Amino acid sequence: MIHKYFLNDKYIVLDVPSGSVHLVDKLTYKLLDDYESLSEEDLKEKYSKEYGKDTVHTAINEIKYLIEEGLLYSEDDIILEHEYNPTNIIKAMCLHVAHDCNLKCKYCFAAQGNFNGEACLMDLETGKKALKFLAENSGNRRNLEVDFFGGEPLMNFEVVKDLVAYGRQLEKTHNKHFRFTITTNGVLLTEDKIDFINENMDNVVMSLDGRKEINDNIRPTLNDKGSFDIIVPKFQELIKKRGDKDYYIRGTFTSLNKDFRKDLKEFYDLGFKKVSIEPVVTDPCEPYAITKEDLDEILQEYEDFSKDYIEIRKYDKDFLFFHYMIDLNQGPCVVKRTVGCGAGSEYIAVTPEGDIYPCHQFVGEEDFKLGTLDSGIENTDLRDKFKCANVLNKPECNSCFAKYYCSGGCHANAYFNNKDFYSPYEIGCEMERKRVECAISILANEI
């Protein structure tokens, strides 16, 4: 399977199975429309008048060479001989230290932080039990990921600090290394919290939805005031002190700001160089939900921002948009590219009460409870179903050129839209395909 398109002044051909990307001239781009259906003589007859016989002959030979080298029209023969992660190794954990929040974001999948349950904070002993569970169920894997999450984790910051210290103890006794991340809305950031985060967190994700009017409409405080002016100076201070450590400003766009390229440019103007903005996924009846009718405008927005991005990066290579970052040489192994995030298998979420779910977006859905920290993984049938949730087992993915980039998409988005996490969320798929096209075209312009 190949996929060809023209974007940002480049003719691009992607060989899907091999992952090879080719920048071609206009003639080769046209030839590929007919290459499999016409003979070599017919191709020459059809195109020689416009391009010249020798030029067409050379282009055909180049196509034949790429085919012989397995770089064009290659066989899609990837086979998983067994379920992914047969040893039940867990390598990453989303640790819900707070099911409470000090904002009331309108689109919040966590029901303003409590995940449709009682507001509560994780106690230290449960947190320690969670980190020990991860260490003891990670097999020979040394590097482990822990994201302090909520609600708003800064509402339980003393426990976060104590858990980081406990994690460092576990590293010594279990020969592990914890890579800690914290995801925060920033309201409770203070100088001492900023210093601790910058010293101890390998990554920090800061929630901001872009322009002041957009952010304040969708992310109000508990007293219905705007949050933009509260959090932006704190985020700027954190990043100023952070040096070269990782961070992300993470936004959400809805049908109310389909012109999200303005929000991304606002991030840049505020001094934020590592940014992401994700489409909202919610009940389609909500006024801010993204529908199929919004897609044309959104896909065009991705294209338009790709042009902005190319121009900005001509003088500032530090500016990074998550969805336009693509590695065509040293990405994940082919098996990993079929299975994605590993939710429910090698990645889990743990609630303040110690319940285990496949990921943070499934928390509170009782049918998706995998077990507890005390009992371990009890719902092994569900775990095994997640293990087999890969692009090879999703019929809708078979003909998609982006399948080895998105790995079948988000399980939660699929389930909440289709009631089946083996059935991809089509609106999300359309956006992912466009993002992949943009990302490759940007790289083609930067080479």
Protein backbone atom coordinates (compact mmCIF):
# COMPACT_ATOMS: atom_id res chain seq x y z
CA MET A 1 0.00 0.00 0.00
CA ILE A 2 1.22 3.49 -0.81
CA HIS A 3 -0.19 6.90 0.06
CA LYS A 4 0.63 9.97 -2.01
CA TYR A 5 -0.23 13.62 -1.47
CA PHE A 6 0.94 17.17 -2.21
CA LEU A 7 1.39 19.54 0.72
CA ASN A 8 3.63 22.49 1.52
CA ASP A 9 5.11 22.47 -1.99
CA LYS A 10 6.22 18.84 -1.79
CA TYR A 11 5.08 15.76 -3.69
CA ILE A 12 5.24 13.01 -1.08
CA VAL A 13 4.84 9.23 -1.42
CA LEU A 14 4.62 7.04 1.67
CA ASP A 15 5.15 3.28 1.43
CA VAL A 16 2.98 2.16 4.32
CA PRO A 17 4.42 -1.27 5.30
CA SER A 18 8.09 -0.26 5.15
CA GLY A 19 7.55 3.29 6.42
CA SER A 20 9.69 4.64 3.57
CA VAL A 21 8.96 8.22 2.58
CA HIS A 22 9.87 9.52 -0.87
CA LEU A 23 10.02 13.09 -2.13
CA VAL A 24 9.34 12.86 -5.84
CA ASP A 25 8.91 15.13 -8.83
CA LYS A 26 5.57 15.81 -10.48
CA LEU A 27 6.12 13.19 -13.21
CA THR A 28 6.84 10.36 -10.77
CA TYR A 29 3.89 11.46 -8.67
CA LYS A 30 1.62 11.14 -11.72
CA LEU A 31 3.17 7.87 -12.92
CA LEU A 32 2.28 6.19 -9.65
CA ASP A 33 -1.41 6.74 -10.41
CA ASP A 34 -1.10 4.35 -13.34
CA TYR A 35 1.93 2.24 -12.49
CA GLU A 36 0.06 -0.86 -11.35
CA SER A 37 -2.61 -0.72 -14.06
CA LEU A 38 -0.64 0.18 -17.22
CA SER A 39 2.27 -1.55 -18.92
CA GLU A 40 5.62 0.17 -19.23
CA GLU A 41 4.98 0.91 -22.90
CA ASP A 42 1.56 2.38 -22.15
CA LEU A 43 3.08 4.57 -19.43
CA LYS A 44 5.66 5.90 -21.87
CA GLU A 45 3.01 6.55 -24.49
CA LYS A 46 0.77 8.38 -22.01
CA TYR A 47 3.42 10.64 -20.44
CA SER A 48 6.21 11.07 -23.05
CA LYS A 49 4.47 13.82 -24.97
CA GLU A 50 4.40 16.07 -21.92
CA TYR A 51 7.68 15.07 -20.23
CA GLY A 52 9.85 13.48 -22.94
CA LYS A 53 10.55 9.81 -23.57
CA ASP A 54 13.96 9.73 -21.84
CA THR A 55 12.65 11.49 -18.73
CA VAL A 56 9.74 9.05 -18.46
CA HIS A 57 12.08 6.09 -18.99
CA THR A 58 14.35 7.32 -16.16
CA ALA A 59 11.40 7.84 -13.80
CA ILE A 60 10.05 4.35 -14.48
CA ASN A 61 13.46 2.82 -13.78
CA GLU A 62 13.67 4.71 -10.48
CA ILE A 63 10.26 3.34 -9.47
CA LYS A 64 11.35 -0.19 -10.42
CA TYR A 65 14.51 0.19 -8.35
CA LEU A 66 12.57 1.27 -5.28
CA ILE A 67 10.21 -1.68 -5.67
CA GLU A 68 13.14 -4.12 -5.94
CA GLU A 69 14.65 -2.65 -2.76
CA GLY A 70 11.38 -3.12 -0.84
CA LEU A 71 10.85 0.63 -0.48
CA LEU A 72 7.75 0.99 -2.65
CA TYR A 73 4.69 -1.24 -2.97
CA SER A 74 6.24 -3.45 -0.28
CA GLU A 75 4.36 -6.36 1.27
CA ASP A 76 2.36 -5.68 4.42
CA ASP A 77 3.35 -8.96 6.09
CA ILE A 78 3.64 -7.94 9.74
CA ILE A 79 2.42 -10.76 11.99
CA LEU A 80 2.16 -10.83 15.78
CA GLU A 81 2.72 -14.46 16.69
CA HIS A 82 1.26 -14.00 20.15
CA GLU A 83 -0.56 -11.40 22.17
CA TYR A 84 1.48 -8.33 22.98
CA ASN A 85 3.18 -8.37 26.40
CA PRO A 86 2.78 -12.08 27.19
CA THR A 87 4.78 -11.73 30.42
CA ASN A 88 2.32 -9.21 31.93
CA ILE A 89 5.02 -6.62 32.55
CA ILE A 90 3.77 -3.21 33.66
CA LYS A 91 6.05 -0.29 32.84
CA ALA A 92 3.95 2.85 33.36
CA MET A 93 1.38 4.12 35.84
CA CYS A 94 -0.98 7.07 35.99
CA LEU A 95 -1.20 7.71 39.73
CA HIS A 96 -4.39 9.57 40.71
CA VAL A 97 -3.24 11.31 43.86
CA ALA A 98 -6.29 13.59 43.85
CA HIS A 99 -9.88 13.05 42.81
CA ASP A 100 -10.67 16.68 43.38
CA CYS A 101 -10.02 19.87 41.44
CA ASN A 102 -9.98 23.65 41.83
CA LEU A 103 -11.19 24.33 38.28
CA LYS A 104 -14.43 23.25 36.65
CA CYS A 105 -13.51 22.78 33.01
CA LYS A 106 -16.64 22.37 30.93
CA TYR A 107 -15.31 19.45 28.88
CA CYS A 108 -13.68 17.55 31.78
CA PHE A 109 -13.90 13.77 31.28
CA ALA A 110 -13.16 13.43 35.00
CA ALA A 111 -16.39 15.18 36.06
CA GLN A 112 -14.48 18.16 37.52
CA GLY A 113 -11.94 15.90 39.13
CA ASN A 114 -13.92 13.32 41.09
CA PHE A 115 -14.55 10.87 38.23
CA ASN A 116 -18.25 10.72 39.13
CA GLY A 117 -17.47 9.58 42.66
CA GLU A 118 -16.69 11.22 45.97
CA ALA A 119 -13.97 13.87 46.03
CA CYS A 120 -10.95 12.42 47.80
CA LEU A 121 -7.17 12.48 48.06
CA MET A 122 -4.81 9.51 47.95
CA ASP A 123 -3.18 8.74 51.27
CA LEU A 124 0.54 8.12 51.47
CA GLU A 125 0.28 4.40 52.21
CA THR A 126 -1.85 3.76 49.12
CA GLY A 127 0.61 5.74 47.04
CA LYS A 128 3.53 3.72 48.39
CA LYS A 129 1.64 0.52 47.69
CA ALA A 130 1.11 1.68 44.09
CA LEU A 131 4.78 2.42 43.47
CA LYS A 132 5.77 -0.89 45.02
CA PHE A 133 3.17 -2.67 42.86
CA LEU A 134 4.74 -1.13 39.76
CA ALA A 135 8.26 -2.04 40.84
CA GLU A 136 7.29 -5.64 41.63
CA ASN A 137 5.29 -6.16 38.43
CA SER A 138 7.77 -4.67 35.97
CA GLY A 139 9.88 -7.77 35.44
CA ASN A 140 13.40 -7.02 34.27
CA ARG A 141 12.44 -3.62 32.96
CA ARG A 142 14.47 -0.99 34.78
CA ASN A 143 13.03 2.34 33.56
CA LEU A 144 9.49 2.99 34.82
CA GLU A 145 7.10 5.90 34.23
CA VAL A 146 4.84 7.47 36.86
CA ASP A 147 2.53 10.41 36.15
CA PHE A 148 1.09 12.22 39.17
CA PHE A 149 -2.42 12.97 38.01
CA GLY A 150 -5.84 14.10 39.16
CA GLY A 151 -8.14 15.97 39.39
CA GLU A 152 -5.42 18.38 40.41
CA PRO A 153 -2.37 16.70 41.99
CA LEU A 154 -1.09 19.92 43.56
CA MET A 155 -4.04 19.62 45.96
CA ASN A 156 -2.15 16.68 47.49
CA PHE A 157 1.38 17.93 47.01
CA GLU A 158 2.87 16.75 50.32
CA VAL A 159 1.96 13.19 49.36
CA VAL A 160 3.52 13.74 45.92
CA LYS A 161 6.75 14.85 47.58
CA ASP A 162 6.77 11.89 49.96
CA LEU A 163 6.10 9.47 47.08
CA VAL A 164 9.01 10.82 45.08
CA ALA A 165 11.26 10.19 48.09
CA TYR A 166 9.81 6.69 48.51
CA GLY A 167 10.34 6.01 44.81
CA ARG A 168 14.02 6.84 45.18
CA GLN A 169 14.23 4.26 47.97
CA LEU A 170 12.56 1.63 45.80
CA GLU A 171 15.03 2.33 43.02
CA LYS A 172 17.84 1.09 45.23
CA THR A 173 16.10 -2.02 46.57
CA HIS A 174 14.54 -3.09 43.25
CA ASN A 175 17.18 -1.87 40.76
CA LYS A 176 14.69 0.44 39.05
CA HIS A 177 14.62 4.02 37.83
CA PHE A 178 11.43 6.04 38.12
CA ARG A 179 10.79 8.79 35.61
CA PHE A 180 8.28 11.10 37.28
CA THR A 181 5.85 13.45 35.52
CA ILE A 182 3.21 15.74 36.97
CA THR A 183 0.14 17.06 35.14
CA THR A 184 -1.22 20.30 36.61
CA ASN A 185 -3.59 23.17 35.93
CA GLY A 186 -1.14 25.48 37.69
CA VAL A 187 -3.53 27.29 40.01
CA LEU A 188 -1.70 26.19 43.18
CA LEU A 189 1.83 26.63 41.86
CA THR A 190 4.10 28.49 44.25
CA GLU A 191 7.82 29.14 44.22
CA ASP A 192 8.59 26.14 46.43
CA LYS A 193 6.39 23.84 44.34
CA ILE A 194 8.03 25.08 41.14
CA ASP A 195 11.47 24.39 42.59
CA PHE A 196 10.51 20.88 43.70
CA ILE A 197 8.91 20.06 40.34
CA ASN A 198 11.91 21.32 38.39
CA GLU A 199 14.29 19.33 40.55
CA ASN A 200 12.37 16.06 40.68
CA MET A 201 10.02 15.77 37.69
CA ASP A 202 11.46 14.53 34.40
CA ASN A 203 8.48 16.09 32.64
CA VAL A 204 5.68 18.47 33.56
CA VAL A 205 2.44 18.87 31.64
CA MET A 206 0.67 22.21 32.13
CA SER A 207 -2.93 22.65 31.07
CA LEU A 208 -3.81 25.81 29.15
CA ASP A 209 -6.28 26.11 26.29
CA GLY A 210 -4.74 29.04 24.43
CA ARG A 211 -6.05 32.58 24.14
CA LYS A 212 -7.39 34.23 27.26
CA GLU A 213 -10.98 34.39 26.01
CA ILE A 214 -10.94 30.73 24.95
CA ASN A 215 -9.26 29.45 28.10
CA ASP A 216 -11.39 31.50 30.49
CA ASN A 217 -14.64 30.45 28.84
CA ILE A 218 -13.92 26.73 29.01
CA ARG A 219 -11.64 26.52 32.12
CA PRO A 220 -13.22 28.69 34.86
CA THR A 221 -12.31 28.63 38.53
CA LEU A 222 -14.76 27.37 41.14
CA ASN A 223 -16.16 30.90 41.51
CA ASP A 224 -16.62 31.20 37.72
CA LYS A 225 -13.70 33.54 37.19
CA GLY A 226 -11.12 33.16 34.45
CA SER A 227 -7.99 31.11 35.15
CA PHE A 228 -5.70 32.51 32.41
CA ASP A 229 -4.26 35.43 34.37
CA ILE A 230 -3.72 33.22 37.41
CA ILE A 231 -1.80 30.43 35.74
CA VAL A 232 0.12 31.91 32.80
CA PRO A 233 2.65 33.87 34.93
CA LYS A 234 3.21 30.76 37.04
CA PHE A 235 3.80 28.58 33.99
CA GLN A 236 6.21 31.17 32.59
CA GLU A 237 8.14 31.22 35.86
CA LEU A 238 8.30 27.41 35.99
CA ILE A 239 9.63 27.20 32.44
CA LYS A 240 12.10 30.03 33.01
CA LYS A 241 13.64 28.04 35.87
CA ARG A 242 13.36 24.64 34.19
CA GLY A 243 16.38 24.88 31.92
CA ASP A 244 16.54 22.14 29.30
CA LYS A 245 14.22 19.70 31.10
CA ASP A 246 11.10 18.49 29.31
CA TYR A 247 7.73 20.16 29.63
CA TYR A 248 4.55 20.57 27.61
CA ILE A 249 1.86 23.19 27.51
CA ARG A 250 -1.15 21.03 26.80
CA GLY A 251 -4.38 22.49 25.46
CA THR A 252 -7.73 21.18 24.32
CA PHE A 253 -9.65 22.61 21.40
CA THR A 254 -13.40 22.27 20.95
CA SER A 255 -15.95 23.31 18.36
CA LEU A 256 -15.81 26.74 20.02
CA ASN A 257 -12.21 27.31 18.88
CA LYS A 258 -11.74 25.43 15.65
CA ASP A 259 -9.27 28.21 14.77
CA PHE A 260 -6.84 26.65 17.24
CA ARG A 261 -3.79 27.71 15.24
CA LYS A 262 -4.34 31.09 16.92
CA ASP A 263 -4.07 29.35 20.28
CA LEU A 264 -0.87 27.58 19.26
CA LYS A 265 0.62 30.87 18.09
CA GLU A 266 -0.47 32.41 21.41
CA PHE A 267 1.49 29.68 23.21
CA TYR A 268 4.57 30.66 21.22
CA ASP A 269 4.08 34.38 21.84
CA LEU A 270 3.85 33.66 25.59
CA GLY A 271 7.26 31.97 25.45
CA PHE A 272 6.09 28.36 25.48
CA LYS A 273 8.21 26.33 23.06
CA LYS A 274 6.94 22.78 23.67
CA VAL A 275 3.23 22.63 23.01
CA SER A 276 0.32 20.34 22.27
CA ILE A 277 -3.35 20.92 21.65
CA GLU A 278 -5.74 17.99 21.49
CA PRO A 279 -9.29 17.70 20.12
CA VAL A 280 -11.97 17.36 22.78
CA VAL A 281 -13.68 13.99 22.99
CA THR A 282 -17.05 14.20 24.66
CA ASP A 283 -20.75 13.46 24.34
CA PRO A 284 -21.73 14.59 20.80
CA CYS A 285 -24.76 16.34 22.31
CA GLU A 286 -22.55 18.86 24.11
CA PRO A 287 -22.44 22.32 22.47
CA TYR A 288 -18.64 22.23 22.33
CA ALA A 289 -18.40 18.69 20.85
CA ILE A 290 -16.54 18.16 17.58
CA THR A 291 -18.73 16.62 14.88
CA LYS A 292 -18.20 15.46 11.31
CA GLU A 293 -19.51 18.83 10.15
CA ASP A 294 -16.50 20.49 11.83
CA LEU A 295 -13.89 18.31 10.15
CA ASP A 296 -13.23 20.28 6.96
CA GLU A 297 -12.46 23.40 8.94
CA ILE A 298 -10.29 21.53 11.44
CA LEU A 299 -8.29 19.68 8.79
CA GLN A 300 -7.65 22.96 6.99
CA GLU A 301 -6.52 24.45 10.29
CA TYR A 302 -3.89 21.73 10.67
CA GLU A 303 -2.65 22.46 7.14
CA ASP A 304 -2.57 26.21 7.73
CA PHE A 305 -0.70 25.81 11.00
CA SER A 306 1.84 23.53 9.31
CA LYS A 307 2.75 26.51 7.11
CA ASP A 308 3.05 28.77 10.19
CA TYR A 309 5.15 26.10 11.88
CA ILE A 310 7.59 25.84 8.97
CA GLU A 311 8.07 29.61 9.02
CA ILE A 312 8.59 29.82 12.80
CA ARG A 313 11.10 26.96 12.79
CA LYS A 314 13.21 28.67 10.15
CA TYR A 315 14.49 30.92 12.95
CA ASP A 316 13.52 28.97 16.09
CA LYS A 317 14.15 25.23 16.03
CA ASP A 318 13.21 24.98 19.71
CA PHE A 319 9.52 25.39 18.90
CA LEU A 320 7.90 21.94 18.95
CA PHE A 321 4.29 20.96 18.33
CA PHE A 322 3.73 17.43 19.59
CA HIS A 323 1.66 16.27 16.62
CA TYR A 324 4.20 17.51 14.07
CA MET A 325 7.09 15.62 15.65
CA ILE A 326 7.82 12.52 13.63
CA ASP A 327 10.88 10.25 13.44
CA LEU A 328 11.22 8.44 10.14
CA ASN A 329 14.50 6.74 11.05
CA GLN A 330 14.52 5.70 14.70
CA GLY A 331 10.92 5.31 15.77
CA PRO A 332 9.48 2.42 17.80
CA CYS A 333 10.01 -1.16 16.66
CA VAL A 334 7.46 -2.57 14.23
CA VAL A 335 5.66 -4.56 16.93
CA LYS A 336 5.28 -1.52 19.17
CA ARG A 337 3.94 0.47 16.22
CA THR A 338 1.02 -1.95 15.95
CA VAL A 339 -0.06 -1.76 19.59
CA GLY A 340 0.32 1.88 20.67
CA CYS A 341 0.17 3.06 24.27
CA GLY A 342 -0.23 -0.35 25.93
CA ALA A 343 -3.22 0.74 28.03
CA GLY A 344 -4.64 -2.11 30.09
CA SER A 345 -1.55 -4.17 29.51
CA GLU A 346 1.76 -2.42 30.25
CA TYR A 347 0.15 0.86 31.31
CA ILE A 348 -2.39 1.24 34.14
CA ALA A 349 -4.12 3.93 36.19
CA VAL A 350 -4.53 3.72 39.97
CA THR A 351 -7.23 5.61 41.89
CA PRO A 352 -6.93 7.14 45.39
CA GLU A 353 -8.69 4.04 46.77
CA GLY A 354 -6.19 1.70 45.10
CA ASP A 355 -8.39 0.47 42.25
CA ILE A 356 -6.68 -0.36 38.96
CA TYR A 357 -8.00 0.66 35.52
CA PRO A 358 -6.58 0.41 31.98
CA CYS A 359 -5.91 4.17 31.79
CA HIS A 360 -7.05 7.46 33.31
CA GLN A 361 -9.95 7.86 30.88
CA PHE A 362 -11.52 4.55 31.98
CA VAL A 363 -11.38 5.40 35.69
CA GLY A 364 -14.86 5.19 37.22
CA GLU A 365 -16.16 2.80 34.54
CA GLU A 366 -16.78 -0.27 36.68
CA ASP A 367 -16.80 -2.64 33.71
CA PHE A 368 -13.19 -1.64 33.11
CA LYS A 369 -11.89 -2.19 36.61
CA LEU A 370 -8.93 -4.57 36.35
CA GLY A 371 -8.41 -5.19 40.06
CA THR A 372 -6.91 -3.51 43.11
CA LEU A 373 -3.46 -2.97 44.54
CA ASP A 374 -4.30 -5.61 47.15
CA SER A 375 -5.72 -8.24 44.82
CA GLY A 376 -3.61 -7.51 41.75
CA ILE A 377 -5.02 -7.87 38.23
CA GLU A 378 -8.16 -9.99 38.62
CA ASN A 379 -10.01 -9.20 35.40
CA THR A 380 -7.52 -11.05 33.23
CA ASP A 381 -10.01 -11.47 30.38
CA LEU A 382 -10.21 -7.70 30.00
CA ARG A 383 -6.43 -7.36 30.27
CA ASP A 384 -5.97 -9.99 27.57
CA LYS A 385 -8.45 -8.20 25.32
CA PHE A 386 -6.37 -5.04 25.64
CA LYS A 387 -3.25 -7.03 24.83
CA CYS A 388 -4.71 -8.00 21.48
CA ALA A 389 -6.04 -4.53 20.62
CA ASN A 390 -3.67 -3.69 17.78
CA VAL A 391 -4.00 -2.46 14.20
CA LEU A 392 -3.85 -6.01 12.87
CA ASN A 393 -7.06 -6.83 14.76
CA LYS A 394 -9.00 -3.71 13.80
CA PRO A 395 -10.61 -4.13 10.35
CA GLU A 396 -11.08 -0.37 9.91
CA CYS A 397 -7.31 0.08 10.19
CA ASN A 398 -6.40 -2.32 7.38
CA SER A 399 -6.59 0.23 4.57
CA CYS A 400 -5.39 3.26 6.55
CA PHE A 401 -2.00 4.73 5.59
CA ALA A 402 -1.47 6.13 9.10
CA LYS A 403 -1.98 2.88 10.99
CA TYR A 404 1.68 2.43 11.95
CA TYR A 405 1.86 6.02 13.22
CA CYS A 406 -1.26 6.07 15.41
CA SER A 407 -1.27 2.32 16.24
CA GLY A 408 -5.06 2.19 16.02
CA GLY A 409 -5.75 5.32 18.05
CA CYS A 410 -6.96 5.85 21.59
CA HIS A 411 -8.88 2.91 23.12
CA ALA A 412 -10.93 5.19 25.35
CA ASN A 413 -11.98 7.49 22.51
CA ALA A 414 -13.02 4.43 20.52
CA TYR A 415 -15.02 2.94 23.37
CA PHE A 416 -16.84 6.11 24.41
CA ASN A 417 -17.89 6.78 20.83
CA ASN A 418 -18.50 3.24 19.55
CA LYS A 419 -18.84 1.16 22.74
CA ASP A 420 -16.03 -1.00 21.39
CA PHE A 421 -12.35 -0.17 21.79
CA TYR A 422 -11.57 -2.34 18.75
CA SER A 423 -13.56 0.09 16.58
CA PRO A 424 -11.57 3.31 16.05
CA TYR A 425 -13.04 6.76 16.58
CA GLU A 426 -13.43 7.92 12.99
CA ILE A 427 -13.37 11.68 13.63
CA GLY A 428 -10.12 11.19 15.51
CA CYS A 429 -8.79 9.06 12.66
CA GLU A 430 -9.43 11.82 10.14
CA MET A 431 -7.51 14.31 12.25
CA GLU A 432 -4.64 11.88 12.83
CA ARG A 433 -4.27 11.25 9.11
CA LYS A 434 -4.02 14.97 8.45
CA ARG A 435 -1.52 15.46 11.29
CA VAL A 436 0.71 12.71 9.86
CA GLU A 437 0.59 14.29 6.42
CA CYS A 438 1.49 17.68 7.88
CA ALA A 439 4.31 16.27 10.01
CA ILE A 440 5.98 14.52 7.06
CA SER A 441 5.61 17.57 4.82
CA ILE A 442 7.24 19.75 7.50
CA LEU A 443 10.17 17.36 7.78
CA ALA A 444 10.46 17.35 3.98
CA ASN A 445 10.79 21.13 4.04
CA GLU A 446 13.40 21.06 6.79
CA ILE A 447 15.70 18.45 5.27
